[in-house]
Amino acid sequence: MSVFDDEHLKRQATTHVVGGDLSLLSVDELTARVAILQAEIKRIEDEREKKSAGRKAAETLFRS
């Protein structure tokens, strides 16, 4: 493995920083970040739905 490969792996392993500089990332790295962010959006939406369902159940219970 060359030095360049090591540097590439280090860059790829970093987390995404919202508002960070994207100009040095390759197309593959950008695609990977999009996938990571889409998965995070899905996770957040799922949690929001769970909390919303719990809230609706509580409101129904206390209205009775």
PDB file of N, CA and C in Angstrom:
ATOM      1  N   MET A   1       0.857  -1.183   0.000  1.00  0.00           N
ATOM      2  CA  MET A   1       0.000   0.000   0.000  1.00  0.00           C
ATOM      3  C   MET A   1       0.895   1.236   0.000  1.00  0.00           C
ATOM      4  N   SER A   2       0.569   2.194  -0.791  1.00  0.00           N
ATOM      5  CA  SER A   2       1.396   3.397  -0.875  1.00  0.00           C
ATOM      6  C   SER A   2       0.938   4.449   0.131  1.00  0.00           C
ATOM      7  N   VAL A   3       1.719   5.492   0.243  1.00  0.00           N
ATOM      8  CA  VAL A   3       1.390   6.606   1.138  1.00  0.00           C
ATOM      9  C   VAL A   3       0.078   7.257   0.710  1.00  0.00           C
ATOM     10  N   PHE A   4      -0.133   7.329  -0.596  1.00  0.00           N
ATOM     11  CA  PHE A   4      -1.355   7.953  -1.093  1.00  0.00           C
ATOM     12  C   PHE A   4      -2.589   7.162  -0.678  1.00  0.00           C
ATOM     13  N   ASP A   5      -2.485   5.833  -0.663  1.00  0.00           N
ATOM     14  CA  ASP A   5      -3.604   5.006  -0.230  1.00  0.00           C
ATOM     15  C   ASP A   5      -3.925   5.258   1.239  1.00  0.00           C
ATOM     16  N   ASP A   6      -2.884   5.380   2.068  1.00  0.00           N
ATOM     17  CA  ASP A   6      -3.090   5.660   3.487  1.00  0.00           C
ATOM     18  C   ASP A   6      -3.808   6.987   3.691  1.00  0.00           C
ATOM     19  N   GLU A   7      -3.402   7.986   2.952  1.00  0.00           N
ATOM     20  CA  GLU A   7      -4.032   9.304   3.073  1.00  0.00           C
ATOM     21  C   GLU A   7      -5.486   9.239   2.631  1.00  0.00           C
ATOM     22  N   HIS A   8      -5.753   8.489   1.567  1.00  0.00           N
ATOM     23  CA  HIS A   8      -7.113   8.362   1.056  1.00  0.00           C
ATOM     24  C   HIS A   8      -8.007   7.684   2.098  1.00  0.00           C
ATOM     25  N   LEU A   9      -7.502   6.640   2.748  1.00  0.00           N
ATOM     26  CA  LEU A   9      -8.285   5.940   3.765  1.00  0.00           C
ATOM     27  C   LEU A   9      -8.567   6.838   4.958  1.00  0.00           C
ATOM     28  N   LYS A  10      -7.602   7.646   5.357  1.00  0.00           N
ATOM     29  CA  LYS A  10      -7.814   8.561   6.477  1.00  0.00           C
ATOM     30  C   LYS A  10      -8.890   9.586   6.138  1.00  0.00           C
ATOM     31  N   ARG A  11      -8.839  10.115   4.926  1.00  0.00           N
ATOM     32  CA  ARG A  11      -9.836  11.099   4.514  1.00  0.00           C
ATOM     33  C   ARG A  11     -11.218  10.477   4.451  1.00  0.00           C
ATOM     34  N   GLN A  12     -11.310   9.252   3.988  1.00  0.00           N
ATOM     35  CA  GLN A  12     -12.589   8.591   3.835  1.00  0.00           C
ATOM     36  C   GLN A  12     -13.218   8.270   5.188  1.00  0.00           C
ATOM     37  N   ALA A  13     -12.397   8.021   6.183  1.00  0.00           N
ATOM     38  CA  ALA A  13     -12.894   7.624   7.491  1.00  0.00           C
ATOM     39  C   ALA A  13     -13.439   8.790   8.307  1.00  0.00           C
ATOM     40  N   THR A  14     -13.189  10.022   7.884  1.00  0.00           N
ATOM     41  CA  THR A  14     -13.658  11.161   8.661  1.00  0.00           C
ATOM     42  C   THR A  14     -15.173  11.291   8.557  1.00  0.00           C
ATOM     43  N   THR A  15     -15.755  11.906   9.556  1.00  0.00           N
ATOM     44  CA  THR A  15     -17.196  12.115   9.545  1.00  0.00           C
ATOM     45  C   THR A  15     -17.515  13.359   8.731  1.00  0.00           C
ATOM     46  N   HIS A  16     -18.741  13.444   8.334  1.00  0.00           N
ATOM     47  CA  HIS A  16     -19.169  14.600   7.558  1.00  0.00           C
ATOM     48  C   HIS A  16     -19.409  15.778   8.488  1.00  0.00           C
ATOM     49  N   VAL A  17     -18.917  16.925   8.099  1.00  0.00           N
ATOM     50  CA  VAL A  17     -19.145  18.152   8.852  1.00  0.00           C
ATOM     51  C   VAL A  17     -20.060  19.030   8.013  1.00  0.00           C
ATOM     52  N   VAL A  18     -21.219  19.337   8.552  1.00  0.00           N
ATOM     53  CA  VAL A  18     -22.175  20.177   7.833  1.00  0.00           C
ATOM     54  C   VAL A  18     -21.533  21.533   7.581  1.00  0.00           C
ATOM     55  N   GLY A  19     -21.558  21.966   6.330  1.00  0.00           N
ATOM     56  CA  GLY A  19     -20.975  23.245   5.946  1.00  0.00           C
ATOM     57  C   GLY A  19     -19.487  23.173   5.673  1.00  0.00           C
ATOM     58  N   GLY A  20     -18.910  21.979   5.781  1.00  0.00           N
ATOM     59  CA  GLY A  20     -17.475  21.811   5.553  1.00  0.00           C
ATOM     60  C   GLY A  20     -17.117  21.921   4.072  1.00  0.00           C
ATOM     61  N   ASP A  21     -15.829  22.097   3.806  1.00  0.00           N
ATOM     62  CA  ASP A  21     -15.315  22.217   2.443  1.00  0.00           C
ATOM     63  C   ASP A  21     -15.409  20.874   1.731  1.00  0.00           C
ATOM     64  N   LEU A  22     -16.079  20.839   0.615  1.00  0.00           N
ATOM     65  CA  LEU A  22     -16.244  19.611  -0.157  1.00  0.00           C
ATOM     66  C   LEU A  22     -15.343  19.567  -1.384  1.00  0.00           C
ATOM     67  N   SER A  23     -14.634  20.628  -1.647  1.00  0.00           N
ATOM     68  CA  SER A  23     -13.892  20.748  -2.899  1.00  0.00           C
ATOM     69  C   SER A  23     -12.770  19.723  -3.053  1.00  0.00           C
ATOM     70  N   LEU A  24     -12.234  19.202  -1.974  1.00  0.00           N
ATOM     71  CA  LEU A  24     -11.134  18.249  -2.068  1.00  0.00           C
ATOM     72  C   LEU A  24     -11.601  16.797  -2.143  1.00  0.00           C
ATOM     73  N   LEU A  25     -12.904  16.557  -2.048  1.00  0.00           N
ATOM     74  CA  LEU A  25     -13.431  15.201  -2.065  1.00  0.00           C
ATOM     75  C   LEU A  25     -13.665  14.707  -3.485  1.00  0.00           C
ATOM     76  N   SER A  26     -13.444  13.433  -3.686  1.00  0.00           N
ATOM     77  CA  SER A  26     -13.684  12.826  -4.998  1.00  0.00           C
ATOM     78  C   SER A  26     -15.181  12.579  -5.177  1.00  0.00           C
ATOM     79  N   VAL A  27     -15.559  12.225  -6.394  1.00  0.00           N
ATOM     80  CA  VAL A  27     -16.952  11.907  -6.674  1.00  0.00           C
ATOM     81  C   VAL A  27     -17.399  10.720  -5.816  1.00  0.00           C
ATOM     82  N   ASP A  28     -16.544   9.709  -5.675  1.00  0.00           N
ATOM     83  CA  ASP A  28     -16.879   8.547  -4.855  1.00  0.00           C
ATOM     84  C   ASP A  28     -17.062   8.934  -3.392  1.00  0.00           C
ATOM     85  N   GLU A  29     -16.222   9.803  -2.880  1.00  0.00           N
ATOM     86  CA  GLU A  29     -16.353  10.252  -1.498  1.00  0.00           C
ATOM     87  C   GLU A  29     -17.636  11.062  -1.302  1.00  0.00           C
ATOM     88  N   LEU A  30     -17.959  11.890  -2.264  1.00  0.00           N
ATOM     89  CA  LEU A  30     -19.197  12.665  -2.188  1.00  0.00           C
ATOM     90  C   LEU A  30     -20.409  11.739  -2.223  1.00  0.00           C
ATOM     91  N   THR A  31     -20.358  10.735  -3.087  1.00  0.00           N
ATOM     92  CA  THR A  31     -21.447   9.762  -3.174  1.00  0.00           C
ATOM     93  C   THR A  31     -21.603   9.019  -1.854  1.00  0.00           C
ATOM     94  N   ALA A  32     -20.500   8.653  -1.236  1.00  0.00           N
ATOM     95  CA  ALA A  32     -20.546   7.963   0.056  1.00  0.00           C
ATOM     96  C   ALA A  32     -21.162   8.861   1.118  1.00  0.00           C
ATOM     97  N   ARG A  33     -20.811  10.119   1.109  1.00  0.00           N
ATOM     98  CA  ARG A  33     -21.372  11.051   2.105  1.00  0.00           C
ATOM     99  C   ARG A  33     -22.866  11.252   1.894  1.00  0.00           C
ATOM    100  N   VAL A  34     -23.292  11.300   0.637  1.00  0.00           N
ATOM    101  CA  VAL A  34     -24.721  11.426   0.355  1.00  0.00           C
ATOM    102  C   VAL A  34     -25.458  10.220   0.930  1.00  0.00           C
ATOM    103  N   ALA A  35     -24.905   9.025   0.740  1.00  0.00           N
ATOM    104  CA  ALA A  35     -25.529   7.811   1.268  1.00  0.00           C
ATOM    105  C   ALA A  35     -25.595   7.851   2.796  1.00  0.00           C
ATOM    106  N   ILE A  36     -24.519   8.299   3.424  1.00  0.00           N
ATOM    107  CA  ILE A  36     -24.491   8.410   4.891  1.00  0.00           C
ATOM    108  C   ILE A  36     -25.560   9.392   5.370  1.00  0.00           C
ATOM    109  N   LEU A  37     -25.650  10.532   4.709  1.00  0.00           N
ATOM    110  CA  LEU A  37     -26.622  11.541   5.125  1.00  0.00           C
ATOM    111  C   LEU A  37     -28.055  11.089   4.868  1.00  0.00           C
ATOM    112  N   GLN A  38     -28.294  10.371   3.763  1.00  0.00           N
ATOM    113  CA  GLN A  38     -29.635   9.850   3.496  1.00  0.00           C
ATOM    114  C   GLN A  38     -30.040   8.831   4.556  1.00  0.00           C
ATOM    115  N   ALA A  39     -29.104   7.990   4.968  1.00  0.00           N
ATOM    116  CA  ALA A  39     -29.386   7.020   6.025  1.00  0.00           C
ATOM    117  C   ALA A  39     -29.678   7.730   7.344  1.00  0.00           C
ATOM    118  N   GLU A  40     -28.961   8.798   7.618  1.00  0.00           N
ATOM    119  CA  GLU A  40     -29.196   9.559   8.850  1.00  0.00           C
ATOM    120  C   GLU A  40     -30.554  10.257   8.810  1.00  0.00           C
ATOM    121  N   ILE A  41     -30.931  10.792   7.666  1.00  0.00           N
ATOM    122  CA  ILE A  41     -32.251  11.416   7.521  1.00  0.00           C
ATOM    123  C   ILE A  41     -33.338  10.386   7.776  1.00  0.00           C
ATOM    124  N   LYS A  42     -33.178   9.198   7.226  1.00  0.00           N
ATOM    125  CA  LYS A  42     -34.158   8.118   7.427  1.00  0.00           C
ATOM    126  C   LYS A  42     -34.253   7.760   8.906  1.00  0.00           C
ATOM    127  N   ARG A  43     -33.122   7.660   9.576  1.00  0.00           N
ATOM    128  CA  ARG A  43     -33.097   7.328  10.997  1.00  0.00           C
ATOM    129  C   ARG A  43     -33.821   8.399  11.823  1.00  0.00           C
ATOM    130  N   ILE A  44     -33.588   9.655  11.503  1.00  0.00           N
ATOM    131  CA  ILE A  44     -34.223  10.772  12.211  1.00  0.00           C
ATOM    132  C   ILE A  44     -35.731  10.769  11.956  1.00  0.00           C
ATOM    133  N   GLU A  45     -36.134  10.553  10.694  1.00  0.00           N
ATOM    134  CA  GLU A  45     -37.561  10.527  10.372  1.00  0.00           C
ATOM    135  C   GLU A  45     -38.268   9.379  11.080  1.00  0.00           C
ATOM    136  N   ASP A  46     -37.611   8.206  11.150  1.00  0.00           N
ATOM    137  CA  ASP A  46     -38.193   7.064  11.862  1.00  0.00           C
ATOM    138  C   ASP A  46     -38.393   7.394  13.341  1.00  0.00           C
ATOM    139  N   GLU A  47     -37.412   8.031  13.943  1.00  0.00           N
ATOM    140  CA  GLU A  47     -37.521   8.412  15.362  1.00  0.00           C
ATOM    141  C   GLU A  47     -38.635   9.436  15.560  1.00  0.00           C
ATOM    142  N   ARG A  48     -38.744  10.373  14.643  1.00  0.00           N
ATOM    143  CA  ARG A  48     -39.808  11.381  14.726  1.00  0.00           C
ATOM    144  C   ARG A  48     -41.181  10.720  14.648  1.00  0.00           C
ATOM    145  N   GLU A  49     -41.310   9.737  13.759  1.00  0.00           N
ATOM    146  CA  GLU A  49     -42.586   9.032  13.636  1.00  0.00           C
ATOM    147  C   GLU A  49     -42.925   8.258  14.908  1.00  0.00           C
ATOM    148  N   LYS A  50     -41.931   7.620  15.514  1.00  0.00           N
ATOM    149  CA  LYS A  50     -42.158   6.894  16.770  1.00  0.00           C
ATOM    150  C   LYS A  50     -42.634   7.840  17.860  1.00  0.00           C
ATOM    151  N   LYS A  51     -41.977   8.982  17.965  1.00  0.00           N
ATOM    152  CA  LYS A  51     -42.347   9.947  19.005  1.00  0.00           C
ATOM    153  C   LYS A  51     -43.724  10.534  18.737  1.00  0.00           C
ATOM    154  N   SER A  52     -44.023  10.776  17.485  1.00  0.00           N
ATOM    155  CA  SER A  52     -45.329  11.316  17.120  1.00  0.00           C
ATOM    156  C   SER A  52     -46.427  10.309  17.450  1.00  0.00           C
ATOM    157  N   ALA A  53     -46.183   9.031  17.159  1.00  0.00           N
ATOM    158  CA  ALA A  53     -47.174   7.989  17.468  1.00  0.00           C
ATOM    159  C   ALA A  53     -47.370   7.881  18.979  1.00  0.00           C
ATOM    160  N   GLY A  54     -46.291   7.974  19.732  1.00  0.00           N
ATOM    161  CA  GLY A  54     -46.396   7.922  21.189  1.00  0.00           C
ATOM    162  C   GLY A  54     -47.177   9.100  21.732  1.00  0.00           C
ATOM    163  N   ARG A  55     -46.954  10.244  21.170  1.00  0.00           N
ATOM    164  CA  ARG A  55     -47.662  11.444  21.614  1.00  0.00           C
ATOM    165  C   ARG A  55     -49.159  11.328  21.315  1.00  0.00           C
ATOM    166  N   LYS A  56     -49.464  10.845  20.101  1.00  0.00           N
ATOM    167  CA  LYS A  56     -50.874  10.679  19.729  1.00  0.00           C
ATOM    168  C   LYS A  56     -51.558   9.669  20.642  1.00  0.00           C
ATOM    169  N   ALA A  57     -50.855   8.590  20.984  1.00  0.00           N
ATOM    170  CA  ALA A  57     -51.428   7.580  21.889  1.00  0.00           C
ATOM    171  C   ALA A  57     -51.684   8.188  23.258  1.00  0.00           C
ATOM    172  N   ALA A  58     -50.767   8.987  23.747  1.00  0.00           N
ATOM    173  CA  ALA A  58     -50.937   9.630  25.054  1.00  0.00           C
ATOM    174  C   ALA A  58     -52.103  10.612  25.029  1.00  0.00           C
ATOM    175  N   GLU A  59     -52.215  11.392  23.958  1.00  0.00           N
ATOM    176  CA  GLU A  59     -53.317  12.331  23.850  1.00  0.00           C
ATOM    177  C   GLU A  59     -54.659  11.607  23.814  1.00  0.00           C
ATOM    178  N   THR A  60     -54.710  10.496  23.101  1.00  0.00           N
ATOM    179  CA  THR A  60     -55.941   9.708  23.024  1.00  0.00           C
ATOM    180  C   THR A  60     -56.306   9.145  24.400  1.00  0.00           C
ATOM    181  N   LEU A  61     -55.305   8.660  25.120  1.00  0.00           N
ATOM    182  CA  LEU A  61     -55.518   8.079  26.442  1.00  0.00           C
ATOM    183  C   LEU A  61     -56.063   9.125  27.423  1.00  0.00           C
ATOM    184  N   PHE A  62     -55.491  10.310  27.411  1.00  0.00           N
ATOM    185  CA  PHE A  62     -55.881  11.323  28.372  1.00  0.00           C
ATOM    186  C   PHE A  62     -57.171  12.058  27.986  1.00  0.00           C
ATOM    187  N   ARG A  63     -57.566  11.966  26.738  1.00  0.00           N
ATOM    188  CA  ARG A  63     -58.824  12.586  26.310  1.00  0.00           C
ATOM    189  C   ARG A  63     -60.027  11.758  26.730  1.00  0.00           C
ATOM    190  N   SER A  64     -59.821  10.481  26.901  1.00  0.00           N
ATOM    191  CA  SER A  64     -60.940   9.575  27.248  1.00  0.00           C
ATOM    192  C   SER A  64     -61.472   9.810  28.623  1.00  0.00           C
TER     193      SER A  64
END
